[in-house]
Amino acid sequence: MKKFLIVGLGNPGAEYVNTRHNIGFKVVDFLANESQADFQTVKLGSVAEVKIKGRTLILLKPNTYMNLSGKAVKYWLEKEKIPIENLLVITDDLNLPFGTIRLKAKGSDGGHNGLKSIQAVLQNTNYPRFRFGISDEFKKGQQVDYVLGEWSEGEKKVLPERLQVSADAVKSFALSGLNNTMNQYNGK
């Protein structure tokens, strides 16, 4: 059975639950809820397992805080013996319009602390990532407040549909591969 590690990046703690920076957690929560899978608190995070058509998706929410995410990712890749090409890291992205999805096979950390940590620990930038646009509707110097801020009312209305599309894209990644998924979902 093919295994995938689907990592939703975010920060643990009630105060971060509905923040833009925690969209990675929201996407894996949505996937788990769809399959009635429960997260268990385990070493370096919370994990749920979802099975789809002969594939096993290990959903991980690191509890290490964003800037130490790499430690949890490396541990779970090794523990579950998952090859790096079957890793998918879900992050927020300021450079994309709200709700826009962009999957890539590799790339830089783009200034994202979670990706910076993963890159440093894995010593590698060649792993698939899934960026969820949170737009850049903030004034100069307000980036941290914006990223750690809650969704606007308008965003909250659209979020359920965007989470469904995101969940579908993750399942496509596991079932159809990265290239097919990029062709179908990028920019949507």
Protein backbone atom coordinates (compact mmCIF):
# COMPACT_ATOMS: atom_id res chain seq x y z
CA MET A 1 0.00 0.00 0.00
CA LYS A 2 1.40 3.37 -1.03
CA LYS A 3 1.85 5.80 1.86
CA PHE A 4 1.85 9.58 1.82
CA LEU A 5 2.72 12.08 4.51
CA ILE A 6 0.41 15.08 4.26
CA VAL A 7 1.69 17.82 6.54
CA GLY A 8 -0.51 20.76 7.41
CA LEU A 9 1.59 23.59 8.83
CA GLY A 10 0.26 25.73 11.63
CA ASN A 11 0.82 26.67 15.25
CA PRO A 12 -0.63 24.66 18.13
CA GLY A 13 -2.87 26.41 20.64
CA ALA A 14 -6.43 27.72 20.75
CA GLU A 15 -5.34 31.29 19.97
CA TYR A 16 -4.09 30.21 16.51
CA VAL A 17 -6.97 27.96 15.43
CA ASN A 18 -8.72 30.39 13.08
CA THR A 19 -5.68 32.33 11.88
CA ARG A 20 -4.51 32.55 8.28
CA HIS A 21 -1.16 30.99 9.22
CA ASN A 22 -2.99 27.80 10.27
CA ILE A 23 -4.58 26.99 6.91
CA GLY A 24 -2.41 23.85 6.73
CA PHE A 25 -4.04 22.54 9.93
CA LYS A 26 -7.47 23.46 8.52
CA VAL A 27 -6.92 21.48 5.31
CA VAL A 28 -5.78 18.29 7.09
CA ASP A 29 -8.62 18.70 9.63
CA PHE A 30 -11.06 18.88 6.72
CA LEU A 31 -9.57 15.71 5.16
CA ALA A 32 -9.78 13.86 8.50
CA ASN A 33 -13.39 14.97 9.08
CA GLU A 34 -14.42 13.80 5.60
CA SER A 35 -13.19 10.29 6.45
CA GLN A 36 -14.26 10.39 10.12
CA ALA A 37 -10.63 9.94 11.12
CA ASP A 38 -9.50 11.17 14.53
CA PHE A 39 -6.23 12.87 15.32
CA GLN A 40 -4.12 11.26 18.04
CA THR A 41 -1.52 13.27 19.91
CA VAL A 42 1.78 11.49 19.29
CA LYS A 43 5.47 12.30 19.12
CA LEU A 44 6.00 15.82 17.69
CA GLY A 45 2.41 16.35 16.62
CA SER A 46 -1.10 15.07 15.99
CA VAL A 47 -1.62 12.32 13.44
CA ALA A 48 -4.65 10.86 11.70
CA GLU A 49 -4.72 8.13 9.07
CA VAL A 50 -7.00 8.18 6.05
CA LYS A 51 -7.27 5.41 3.46
CA ILE A 52 -8.33 6.22 -0.11
CA LYS A 53 -8.42 3.60 -2.88
CA GLY A 54 -5.39 1.61 -1.78
CA ARG A 55 -3.45 4.65 -0.54
CA THR A 56 -2.72 5.57 3.06
CA LEU A 57 -2.53 9.25 3.90
CA ILE A 58 -0.79 10.02 7.17
CA LEU A 59 -2.09 13.48 8.12
CA LEU A 60 0.31 15.36 10.38
CA LYS A 61 -0.13 18.58 12.33
CA PRO A 62 3.28 19.27 13.92
CA ASN A 63 3.01 20.58 17.48
CA THR A 64 6.51 22.05 17.34
CA TYR A 65 5.41 25.54 16.26
CA MET A 66 5.97 26.65 12.71
CA ASN A 67 9.70 27.42 12.90
CA LEU A 68 10.55 23.88 14.10
CA SER A 69 8.28 21.95 11.72
CA GLY A 70 11.19 20.17 10.06
CA LYS A 71 11.86 18.02 13.12
CA ALA A 72 8.34 16.53 13.04
CA VAL A 73 8.37 16.06 9.25
CA LYS A 74 11.69 14.18 9.31
CA TYR A 75 10.61 11.99 12.23
CA TRP A 76 7.35 10.91 10.56
CA LEU A 77 8.91 10.38 7.11
CA GLU A 78 11.45 8.03 8.70
CA LYS A 79 9.02 6.33 11.10
CA GLU A 80 6.52 5.55 8.32
CA LYS A 81 9.27 4.90 5.69
CA ILE A 82 7.70 7.38 3.28
CA PRO A 83 9.80 8.56 0.31
CA ILE A 84 10.25 12.33 0.04
CA GLU A 85 8.28 12.49 -3.23
CA ASN A 86 5.23 11.25 -1.27
CA LEU A 87 5.49 14.16 1.16
CA LEU A 88 3.10 17.09 0.67
CA VAL A 89 3.50 20.18 2.85
CA ILE A 90 0.52 22.55 3.05
CA THR A 91 1.26 26.20 3.89
CA ASP A 92 -0.24 29.64 3.70
CA ASP A 93 1.09 31.97 1.00
CA LEU A 94 0.93 35.78 1.01
CA ASN A 95 1.85 35.99 -2.67
CA LEU A 96 -1.30 34.28 -3.90
CA PRO A 97 -4.82 35.73 -3.94
CA PHE A 98 -7.07 34.41 -1.18
CA GLY A 99 -8.12 30.80 -1.73
CA THR A 100 -5.88 30.24 -4.76
CA ILE A 101 -4.08 26.88 -4.79
CA ARG A 102 -0.59 26.28 -6.12
CA LEU A 103 1.18 22.93 -5.98
CA LYS A 104 4.87 22.64 -6.84
CA ALA A 105 7.37 19.78 -6.97
CA LYS A 106 10.08 21.82 -5.25
CA GLY A 107 11.14 25.36 -4.54
CA SER A 108 12.52 27.84 -2.06
CA ASP A 109 11.05 28.51 1.36
CA GLY A 110 9.73 31.87 0.07
CA GLY A 111 10.40 33.37 3.50
CA HIS A 112 8.01 30.89 5.18
CA ASN A 113 9.43 29.76 8.55
CA GLY A 114 7.82 26.33 8.35
CA LEU A 115 9.36 25.61 4.94
CA LYS A 116 12.68 27.07 6.13
CA SER A 117 12.75 24.57 8.99
CA ILE A 118 11.79 21.61 6.79
CA GLN A 119 14.45 22.54 4.23
CA ALA A 120 17.11 22.87 6.94
CA VAL A 121 16.29 19.53 8.59
CA LEU A 122 15.78 17.51 5.39
CA GLN A 123 18.71 19.26 3.67
CA ASN A 124 16.51 19.26 0.60
CA THR A 125 14.15 21.54 -1.33
CA ASN A 126 12.90 18.79 -3.68
CA TYR A 127 9.64 17.88 -2.00
CA PRO A 128 6.09 18.68 -3.08
CA ARG A 129 4.39 21.63 -1.46
CA PHE A 130 0.86 22.97 -1.56
CA ARG A 131 0.45 26.70 -1.08
CA PHE A 132 -2.91 28.16 -0.14
CA GLY A 133 -3.25 31.84 -0.97
CA ILE A 134 -4.09 34.17 1.92
CA SER A 135 -3.43 37.32 -0.17
CA ASP A 136 -1.45 40.33 1.03
CA GLU A 137 -4.19 42.74 2.07
CA PHE A 138 -2.19 44.36 4.84
CA LYS A 139 -0.41 47.66 5.38
CA LYS A 140 3.35 47.90 5.52
CA GLY A 141 4.68 46.56 8.82
CA GLN A 142 1.44 44.68 9.54
CA GLN A 143 2.45 41.32 8.03
CA VAL A 144 2.75 39.39 11.32
CA ASP A 145 -0.58 40.71 12.61
CA TYR A 146 -2.20 39.84 9.28
CA VAL A 147 -0.79 36.31 9.04
CA LEU A 148 -1.61 35.58 12.68
CA GLY A 149 -4.96 37.36 12.32
CA GLU A 150 -8.36 35.73 11.92
CA TRP A 151 -10.11 35.35 8.58
CA SER A 152 -12.31 38.26 7.47
CA GLU A 153 -16.09 37.74 7.28
CA GLY A 154 -15.89 37.55 3.48
CA GLU A 155 -13.11 34.94 3.63
CA LYS A 156 -15.03 32.88 6.21
CA LYS A 157 -17.96 32.58 3.80
CA VAL A 158 -15.75 31.23 0.99
CA LEU A 159 -13.46 29.10 3.17
CA PRO A 160 -15.59 25.89 3.29
CA GLU A 161 -15.65 25.65 -0.50
CA ARG A 162 -11.90 26.40 -0.70
CA LEU A 163 -11.21 23.70 1.92
CA GLN A 164 -13.21 21.19 -0.15
CA VAL A 165 -11.20 22.05 -3.28
CA SER A 166 -7.97 21.79 -1.23
CA ALA A 167 -8.97 18.37 0.14
CA ASP A 168 -9.80 17.20 -3.40
CA ALA A 169 -6.38 18.39 -4.59
CA VAL A 170 -4.62 16.46 -1.81
CA LYS A 171 -6.53 13.29 -2.71
CA SER A 172 -5.67 13.85 -6.38
CA PHE A 173 -1.98 14.12 -5.41
CA ALA A 174 -2.15 10.68 -3.76
CA LEU A 175 -4.23 9.05 -6.50
CA SER A 176 -3.16 10.75 -9.76
CA GLY A 177 0.30 12.10 -8.97
CA LEU A 178 1.72 15.59 -8.66
CA ASN A 179 1.81 16.57 -12.35
CA ASN A 180 -1.84 15.68 -13.02
CA THR A 181 -2.84 17.47 -9.83
CA MET A 182 -0.87 20.61 -10.74
CA ASN A 183 -2.51 20.66 -14.17
CA GLN A 184 -5.98 20.27 -12.68
CA TYR A 185 -5.79 22.52 -9.60
CA ASN A 186 -3.04 25.14 -9.92
CA GLY A 187 -4.40 28.67 -10.02
CA LYS A 188 -7.93 27.52 -9.12
